[in-house]
Amino acid sequence: MSGNRFAVLVAAAALFALFALMLLAIPVPSQSFAAAEDYRFELVGSPVKSGKITLIKVRLVHLPDGKPVAGAIIVQSKLDMSPEGMATMTAPAKAVGTPEAGIYQIVAEPAMGGNWALHLSAKVQGEPGTVNGTATLAIPK
């Protein structure tokens, strides 16, 4: 009888090992994130100049579904004249709030009118990387 018992234990161990290997082979879905490249900053209307400052509104869009992204935090903003071939000509630019969901306001102080590039970096909830983008705009003289 002890020979049968040993054979049953060996068979049970073999079945257990086979079952464990099968579990390891089952694909487990990993948590996926959208890539930072799945976003774009778009201008909302034309920049509004008032004295020395210019108010710029941008929308952050999630490209796969085309929806605006609310709740992002603009962590860096830079304005330069790279579209005019003068990338070293910069102007102060600062994020100042969100008038509505998905719309972000930037206050800039360009020294002159012309074509400017607004470079933005934002943190989006649930996104591990920083979203970077550039919008080109014409600032009135």
N, C-alpha and C. Protein backbone atom coordinates (compact mmCIF):
# COMPACT_ATOMS: atom_id res chain seq x y z
N MET A 1 0.82 -1.18 0.00
CA MET A 1 0.00 0.00 0.00
C MET A 1 0.87 1.25 0.00
N SER A 2 2.04 1.21 0.65
CA SER A 2 2.89 2.38 0.70
C SER A 2 3.41 2.73 -0.68
N GLY A 3 3.54 1.78 -1.59
CA GLY A 3 3.97 2.05 -2.97
C GLY A 3 2.91 2.84 -3.70
N ASN A 4 1.64 2.49 -3.48
CA ASN A 4 0.54 3.24 -4.10
C ASN A 4 0.47 4.66 -3.56
N ARG A 5 0.65 4.76 -2.27
CA ARG A 5 0.60 6.08 -1.64
C ARG A 5 1.70 6.98 -2.21
N PHE A 6 2.91 6.42 -2.39
CA PHE A 6 4.02 7.19 -2.95
C PHE A 6 3.69 7.64 -4.38
N ALA A 7 3.12 6.74 -5.18
CA ALA A 7 2.76 7.06 -6.57
C ALA A 7 1.70 8.16 -6.62
N VAL A 8 0.75 8.14 -5.70
CA VAL A 8 -0.29 9.17 -5.63
C VAL A 8 0.33 10.51 -5.26
N LEU A 9 1.26 10.51 -4.30
CA LEU A 9 1.93 11.75 -3.91
C LEU A 9 2.76 12.32 -5.06
N VAL A 10 3.45 11.49 -5.80
CA VAL A 10 4.25 11.95 -6.94
C VAL A 10 3.33 12.52 -8.01
N ALA A 11 2.23 11.86 -8.28
CA ALA A 11 1.27 12.35 -9.29
C ALA A 11 0.67 13.68 -8.84
N ALA A 12 0.34 13.82 -7.58
CA ALA A 12 -0.23 15.06 -7.06
C ALA A 12 0.79 16.19 -7.16
N ALA A 13 2.04 15.92 -6.84
CA ALA A 13 3.09 16.93 -6.93
C ALA A 13 3.30 17.36 -8.39
N ALA A 14 3.25 16.40 -9.29
CA ALA A 14 3.42 16.71 -10.72
C ALA A 14 2.26 17.57 -11.21
N LEU A 15 1.04 17.26 -10.80
CA LEU A 15 -0.13 18.05 -11.18
C LEU A 15 -0.04 19.47 -10.60
N PHE A 16 0.41 19.56 -9.36
CA PHE A 16 0.57 20.87 -8.73
C PHE A 16 1.59 21.71 -9.50
N ALA A 17 2.73 21.10 -9.86
CA ALA A 17 3.78 21.81 -10.61
C ALA A 17 3.26 22.25 -11.97
N LEU A 18 2.50 21.39 -12.65
CA LEU A 18 1.92 21.74 -13.95
C LEU A 18 0.94 22.89 -13.82
N PHE A 19 0.12 22.85 -12.78
CA PHE A 19 -0.85 23.92 -12.54
C PHE A 19 -0.14 25.24 -12.26
N ALA A 20 0.94 25.21 -11.47
CA ALA A 20 1.71 26.42 -11.16
C ALA A 20 2.33 27.00 -12.43
N LEU A 21 2.85 26.15 -13.30
CA LEU A 21 3.43 26.62 -14.56
C LEU A 21 2.35 27.25 -15.45
N MET A 22 1.18 26.66 -15.46
CA MET A 22 0.08 27.22 -16.27
C MET A 22 -0.31 28.60 -15.76
N LEU A 23 -0.33 28.79 -14.44
CA LEU A 23 -0.66 30.09 -13.89
C LEU A 23 0.37 31.14 -14.28
N LEU A 24 1.62 30.77 -14.32
CA LEU A 24 2.68 31.71 -14.70
C LEU A 24 2.57 32.10 -16.18
N ALA A 25 2.00 31.23 -16.99
CA ALA A 25 1.90 31.50 -18.42
C ALA A 25 0.71 32.39 -18.78
N ILE A 26 -0.21 32.60 -17.86
CA ILE A 26 -1.39 33.41 -18.14
C ILE A 26 -0.98 34.88 -18.16
N PRO A 27 -1.26 35.56 -19.26
CA PRO A 27 -0.89 36.98 -19.30
C PRO A 27 -1.75 37.79 -18.34
N VAL A 28 -1.09 38.66 -17.60
CA VAL A 28 -1.79 39.53 -16.66
C VAL A 28 -1.74 40.94 -17.22
N PRO A 29 -2.90 41.57 -17.41
CA PRO A 29 -2.86 42.92 -17.95
C PRO A 29 -2.15 43.87 -16.99
N SER A 30 -1.24 44.64 -17.53
CA SER A 30 -0.54 45.61 -16.69
C SER A 30 -1.26 46.94 -16.79
N GLN A 31 -1.05 47.78 -15.81
CA GLN A 31 -1.66 49.09 -15.83
C GLN A 31 -1.01 49.87 -16.95
N SER A 32 -1.82 50.44 -17.84
CA SER A 32 -1.25 51.18 -18.96
C SER A 32 -1.54 52.66 -18.80
N PHE A 33 -0.60 53.46 -19.25
CA PHE A 33 -0.72 54.90 -19.20
C PHE A 33 -0.68 55.42 -20.63
N ALA A 34 -1.32 56.53 -20.83
CA ALA A 34 -1.19 57.19 -22.12
C ALA A 34 0.21 57.77 -22.18
N ALA A 35 0.75 57.84 -23.36
CA ALA A 35 2.07 58.44 -23.52
C ALA A 35 1.95 59.95 -23.48
N ALA A 36 3.00 60.60 -23.03
CA ALA A 36 3.00 62.06 -22.99
C ALA A 36 2.80 62.64 -24.38
N GLU A 37 3.14 61.88 -25.41
CA GLU A 37 2.96 62.32 -26.79
C GLU A 37 1.49 62.28 -27.22
N ASP A 38 0.62 61.75 -26.38
CA ASP A 38 -0.80 61.66 -26.70
C ASP A 38 -1.55 62.94 -26.36
N TYR A 39 -0.83 64.03 -26.12
CA TYR A 39 -1.43 65.30 -25.74
C TYR A 39 -0.91 66.41 -26.64
N ARG A 40 -1.73 67.46 -26.77
CA ARG A 40 -1.32 68.63 -27.55
C ARG A 40 -1.91 69.89 -26.93
N PHE A 41 -1.14 70.95 -26.93
CA PHE A 41 -1.62 72.26 -26.52
C PHE A 41 -2.12 72.98 -27.77
N GLU A 42 -3.33 73.55 -27.69
CA GLU A 42 -3.91 74.29 -28.80
C GLU A 42 -4.30 75.67 -28.32
N LEU A 43 -4.10 76.67 -29.17
CA LEU A 43 -4.54 78.02 -28.84
C LEU A 43 -6.06 78.09 -28.81
N VAL A 44 -6.58 78.90 -27.90
CA VAL A 44 -8.02 79.15 -27.83
C VAL A 44 -8.20 80.63 -28.17
N GLY A 45 -8.63 80.90 -29.37
CA GLY A 45 -8.79 82.29 -29.80
C GLY A 45 -7.44 82.96 -30.02
N SER A 46 -7.50 84.27 -30.21
CA SER A 46 -6.29 85.06 -30.42
C SER A 46 -5.80 85.63 -29.10
N PRO A 47 -4.49 85.86 -29.00
CA PRO A 47 -3.96 86.49 -27.78
C PRO A 47 -4.57 87.89 -27.63
N VAL A 48 -4.80 88.29 -26.39
CA VAL A 48 -5.39 89.61 -26.10
C VAL A 48 -4.32 90.46 -25.44
N LYS A 49 -3.96 91.56 -26.10
CA LYS A 49 -2.92 92.46 -25.58
C LYS A 49 -3.59 93.57 -24.79
N SER A 50 -3.05 93.84 -23.61
CA SER A 50 -3.55 94.92 -22.76
C SER A 50 -2.35 95.58 -22.09
N GLY A 51 -1.93 96.72 -22.64
CA GLY A 51 -0.74 97.39 -22.11
C GLY A 51 0.49 96.56 -22.41
N LYS A 52 1.27 96.27 -21.37
CA LYS A 52 2.50 95.50 -21.53
C LYS A 52 2.26 93.99 -21.55
N ILE A 53 1.10 93.55 -21.07
CA ILE A 53 0.87 92.10 -20.98
C ILE A 53 -0.02 91.60 -22.12
N THR A 54 0.15 90.33 -22.40
CA THR A 54 -0.68 89.64 -23.39
C THR A 54 -1.26 88.40 -22.72
N LEU A 55 -2.58 88.24 -22.80
CA LEU A 55 -3.24 87.08 -22.23
C LEU A 55 -3.41 86.03 -23.33
N ILE A 56 -2.90 84.84 -23.07
CA ILE A 56 -2.96 83.74 -24.03
C ILE A 56 -3.75 82.60 -23.38
N LYS A 57 -4.71 82.05 -24.11
CA LYS A 57 -5.47 80.90 -23.61
C LYS A 57 -5.13 79.70 -24.46
N VAL A 58 -4.88 78.58 -23.78
CA VAL A 58 -4.59 77.33 -24.47
C VAL A 58 -5.47 76.22 -23.91
N ARG A 59 -5.67 75.23 -24.72
CA ARG A 59 -6.43 74.04 -24.32
C ARG A 59 -5.47 72.85 -24.43
N LEU A 60 -5.47 72.00 -23.43
CA LEU A 60 -4.70 70.76 -23.47
C LEU A 60 -5.66 69.66 -23.92
N VAL A 61 -5.32 69.01 -25.02
CA VAL A 61 -6.21 68.01 -25.62
C VAL A 61 -5.55 66.63 -25.56
N HIS A 62 -6.35 65.63 -25.17
CA HIS A 62 -5.91 64.23 -25.20
C HIS A 62 -6.22 63.74 -26.61
N LEU A 63 -5.19 63.49 -27.42
CA LEU A 63 -5.37 63.21 -28.84
C LEU A 63 -6.17 61.95 -29.16
N PRO A 64 -6.01 60.82 -28.44
CA PRO A 64 -6.78 59.63 -28.82
C PRO A 64 -8.29 59.82 -28.80
N ASP A 65 -8.80 60.64 -27.87
CA ASP A 65 -10.26 60.82 -27.84
C ASP A 65 -10.68 62.26 -28.18
N GLY A 66 -9.71 63.17 -28.36
CA GLY A 66 -10.03 64.54 -28.74
C GLY A 66 -10.65 65.38 -27.63
N LYS A 67 -10.61 64.91 -26.41
CA LYS A 67 -11.24 65.63 -25.31
C LYS A 67 -10.26 66.54 -24.60
N PRO A 68 -10.74 67.70 -24.11
CA PRO A 68 -9.87 68.57 -23.33
C PRO A 68 -9.54 67.93 -21.98
N VAL A 69 -8.35 68.23 -21.49
CA VAL A 69 -7.87 67.66 -20.23
C VAL A 69 -7.98 68.72 -19.14
N ALA A 70 -8.80 68.43 -18.15
CA ALA A 70 -8.96 69.35 -17.01
C ALA A 70 -8.04 68.90 -15.88
N GLY A 71 -7.65 69.84 -15.05
CA GLY A 71 -6.89 69.52 -13.85
C GLY A 71 -5.40 69.35 -14.03
N ALA A 72 -4.88 69.63 -15.22
CA ALA A 72 -3.42 69.56 -15.41
C ALA A 72 -2.78 70.74 -14.70
N ILE A 73 -1.53 70.60 -14.36
CA ILE A 73 -0.78 71.67 -13.71
C ILE A 73 0.35 72.09 -14.64
N ILE A 74 0.31 73.35 -15.06
CA ILE A 74 1.38 73.88 -15.91
C ILE A 74 2.60 74.10 -15.02
N VAL A 75 3.67 73.37 -15.29
CA VAL A 75 4.86 73.44 -14.44
C VAL A 75 5.95 74.31 -15.05
N GLN A 76 5.84 74.60 -16.35
CA GLN A 76 6.82 75.46 -16.99
C GLN A 76 6.20 76.12 -18.21
N SER A 77 6.51 77.40 -18.38
CA SER A 77 6.07 78.13 -19.58
C SER A 77 7.21 79.01 -20.06
N LYS A 78 7.38 79.07 -21.36
CA LYS A 78 8.46 79.86 -21.95
C LYS A 78 7.94 80.42 -23.27
N LEU A 79 8.23 81.68 -23.52
CA LEU A 79 7.82 82.34 -24.76
C LEU A 79 9.08 82.82 -25.47
N ASP A 80 9.23 82.44 -26.74
CA ASP A 80 10.38 82.92 -27.51
C ASP A 80 9.98 83.18 -28.95
N MET A 81 10.86 83.84 -29.68
CA MET A 81 10.58 84.20 -31.07
C MET A 81 11.23 83.23 -32.06
N SER A 82 11.31 81.96 -31.69
CA SER A 82 11.91 80.97 -32.60
C SER A 82 11.22 80.90 -33.96
N PRO A 83 9.91 81.14 -34.07
CA PRO A 83 9.30 81.12 -35.40
C PRO A 83 9.85 82.23 -36.33
N GLU A 84 10.42 83.27 -35.75
CA GLU A 84 11.00 84.37 -36.52
C GLU A 84 12.50 84.20 -36.70
N GLY A 85 13.04 83.05 -36.23
CA GLY A 85 14.47 82.81 -36.31
C GLY A 85 15.26 83.49 -35.20
N MET A 86 14.56 83.90 -34.13
CA MET A 86 15.22 84.59 -33.02
C MET A 86 14.90 83.86 -31.70
N ALA A 87 15.35 82.62 -31.60
CA ALA A 87 15.03 81.81 -30.41
C ALA A 87 15.59 82.40 -29.13
N THR A 88 16.62 83.22 -29.23
CA THR A 88 17.20 83.80 -28.02
C THR A 88 16.39 84.99 -27.51
N MET A 89 15.47 85.50 -28.33
CA MET A 89 14.58 86.59 -27.88
C MET A 89 13.45 85.94 -27.10
N THR A 90 13.47 86.10 -25.78
CA THR A 90 12.46 85.48 -24.92
C THR A 90 11.65 86.55 -24.20
N ALA A 91 10.57 86.14 -23.61
CA ALA A 91 9.72 87.05 -22.85
C ALA A 91 9.18 86.29 -21.64
N PRO A 92 8.94 87.00 -20.53
CA PRO A 92 8.34 86.34 -19.37
C PRO A 92 6.96 85.78 -19.71
N ALA A 93 6.68 84.60 -19.22
CA ALA A 93 5.37 83.95 -19.42
C ALA A 93 5.06 83.15 -18.18
N LYS A 94 3.83 83.30 -17.68
CA LYS A 94 3.46 82.63 -16.43
C LYS A 94 2.02 82.13 -16.51
N ALA A 95 1.82 80.88 -16.08
CA ALA A 95 0.46 80.33 -16.00
C ALA A 95 -0.25 81.00 -14.84
N VAL A 96 -1.50 81.46 -15.07
CA VAL A 96 -2.22 82.21 -14.03
C VAL A 96 -3.56 81.61 -13.65
N GLY A 97 -3.89 80.46 -14.15
CA GLY A 97 -5.15 79.85 -13.73
C GLY A 97 -5.93 79.27 -14.88
N THR A 98 -7.09 78.74 -14.52
CA THR A 98 -7.96 78.09 -15.51
C THR A 98 -9.35 78.70 -15.44
N PRO A 99 -9.75 79.45 -16.47
CA PRO A 99 -11.08 80.06 -16.45
C PRO A 99 -12.20 79.03 -16.58
N GLU A 100 -11.89 77.89 -17.20
CA GLU A 100 -12.86 76.80 -17.32
C GLU A 100 -12.10 75.50 -17.49
N ALA A 101 -12.77 74.39 -17.29
CA ALA A 101 -12.11 73.08 -17.34
C ALA A 101 -11.42 72.87 -18.69
N GLY A 102 -10.15 72.53 -18.62
CA GLY A 102 -9.39 72.22 -19.83
C GLY A 102 -8.78 73.43 -20.52
N ILE A 103 -9.05 74.64 -20.04
CA ILE A 103 -8.49 75.87 -20.61
C ILE A 103 -7.50 76.44 -19.60
N TYR A 104 -6.31 76.81 -20.07
CA TYR A 104 -5.26 77.33 -19.22
C TYR A 104 -4.85 78.71 -19.72
N GLN A 105 -4.68 79.65 -18.80
CA GLN A 105 -4.32 81.03 -19.16
C GLN A 105 -2.85 81.27 -18.88
N ILE A 106 -2.21 81.95 -19.81
CA ILE A 106 -0.81 82.34 -19.67
C ILE A 106 -0.75 83.85 -19.84
N VAL A 107 -0.06 84.52 -18.92
CA VAL A 107 0.17 85.95 -19.03
C VAL A 107 1.62 86.11 -19.48
N ALA A 108 1.82 86.82 -20.59
CA ALA A 108 3.16 87.02 -21.14
C ALA A 108 3.43 88.51 -21.30
N GLU A 109 4.71 88.84 -21.36
CA GLU A 109 5.12 90.22 -21.55
C GLU A 109 6.12 90.31 -22.71
N PRO A 110 5.65 90.08 -23.94
CA PRO A 110 6.56 90.17 -25.08
C PRO A 110 6.96 91.63 -25.35
N ALA A 111 8.22 91.84 -25.71
CA ALA A 111 8.73 93.19 -25.95
C ALA A 111 8.25 93.75 -27.29
N MET A 112 7.81 92.87 -28.17
CA MET A 112 7.38 93.31 -29.49
C MET A 112 6.38 92.34 -30.08
N GLY A 113 5.67 92.79 -31.09
CA GLY A 113 4.73 91.93 -31.79
C GLY A 113 5.47 91.02 -32.75
N GLY A 114 4.78 90.03 -33.24
CA GLY A 114 5.35 89.09 -34.20
C GLY A 114 4.93 87.67 -33.89
N ASN A 115 5.58 86.73 -34.55
CA ASN A 115 5.29 85.32 -34.34
C ASN A 115 6.15 84.78 -33.20
N TRP A 116 5.49 84.22 -32.21
CA TRP A 116 6.14 83.71 -31.02
C TRP A 116 5.79 82.23 -30.84
N ALA A 117 6.64 81.52 -30.12
CA ALA A 117 6.38 80.12 -29.75
C ALA A 117 6.18 80.06 -28.24
N LEU A 118 5.08 79.48 -27.83
CA LEU A 118 4.80 79.27 -26.41
C LEU A 118 5.09 77.81 -26.10
N HIS A 119 6.12 77.57 -25.30
CA HIS A 119 6.52 76.22 -24.90
C HIS A 119 5.94 75.95 -23.51
N LEU A 120 5.18 74.86 -23.38
CA LEU A 120 4.54 74.53 -22.11
C LEU A 120 4.90 73.12 -21.67
N SER A 121 5.00 72.94 -20.37
CA SER A 121 5.16 71.62 -19.76
C SER A 121 4.09 71.49 -18.69
N ALA A 122 3.44 70.33 -18.65
CA ALA A 122 2.34 70.14 -17.69
C ALA A 122 2.40 68.74 -17.09
N LYS A 123 1.90 68.66 -15.88
CA LYS A 123 1.69 67.38 -15.21
C LYS A 123 0.21 67.05 -15.33
N VAL A 124 -0.08 65.87 -15.84
CA VAL A 124 -1.46 65.42 -16.01
C VAL A 124 -1.70 64.28 -15.03
N GLN A 125 -2.81 64.36 -14.33
CA GLN A 125 -3.14 63.33 -13.34
C GLN A 125 -3.17 61.95 -13.99
N GLY A 126 -2.46 60.99 -13.39
CA GLY A 126 -2.43 59.63 -13.90
C GLY A 126 -1.38 59.40 -14.97
N GLU A 127 -0.69 60.44 -15.37
CA GLU A 127 0.34 60.34 -16.40
C GLU A 127 1.71 60.35 -15.72
N PRO A 128 2.53 59.33 -15.92
CA PRO A 128 3.81 59.29 -15.22
C PRO A 128 4.82 60.33 -15.71
N GLY A 129 4.75 60.72 -16.97
CA GLY A 129 5.71 61.68 -17.51
C GLY A 129 5.14 63.08 -17.57
N THR A 130 6.00 64.00 -17.97
CA THR A 130 5.59 65.39 -18.16
C THR A 130 5.15 65.57 -19.60
N VAL A 131 4.05 66.25 -19.79
CA VAL A 131 3.53 66.55 -21.12
C VAL A 131 4.16 67.86 -21.58
N ASN A 132 4.79 67.83 -22.74
CA ASN A 132 5.43 69.03 -23.30
C ASN A 132 4.79 69.36 -24.64
N GLY A 133 4.66 70.63 -24.93
CA GLY A 133 4.11 71.03 -26.21
C GLY A 133 4.44 72.47 -26.53
N THR A 134 4.25 72.81 -27.79
CA THR A 134 4.53 74.16 -28.26
C THR A 134 3.36 74.61 -29.13
N ALA A 135 2.96 75.85 -28.92
CA ALA A 135 1.93 76.46 -29.77
C ALA A 135 2.54 77.74 -30.35
N THR A 136 2.36 77.94 -31.65
CA THR A 136 2.85 79.15 -32.31
C THR A 136 1.72 80.14 -32.40
N LEU A 137 2.02 81.41 -32.07
CA LEU A 137 0.97 82.42 -32.08
C LEU A 137 1.51 83.75 -32.58
N ALA A 138 0.62 84.54 -33.11
CA ALA A 138 0.97 85.89 -33.56
C ALA A 138 0.52 86.86 -32.49
N ILE A 139 1.46 87.65 -31.99
CA ILE A 139 1.15 88.65 -30.98
C ILE A 139 1.10 90.00 -31.69
N PRO A 140 -0.02 90.73 -31.50
CA PRO A 140 -0.15 92.01 -32.19
C PRO A 140 0.88 93.03 -31.70
N LYS A 141 1.17 93.98 -32.59
CA LYS A 141 2.16 95.03 -32.26
C LYS A 141 1.54 96.09 -31.38
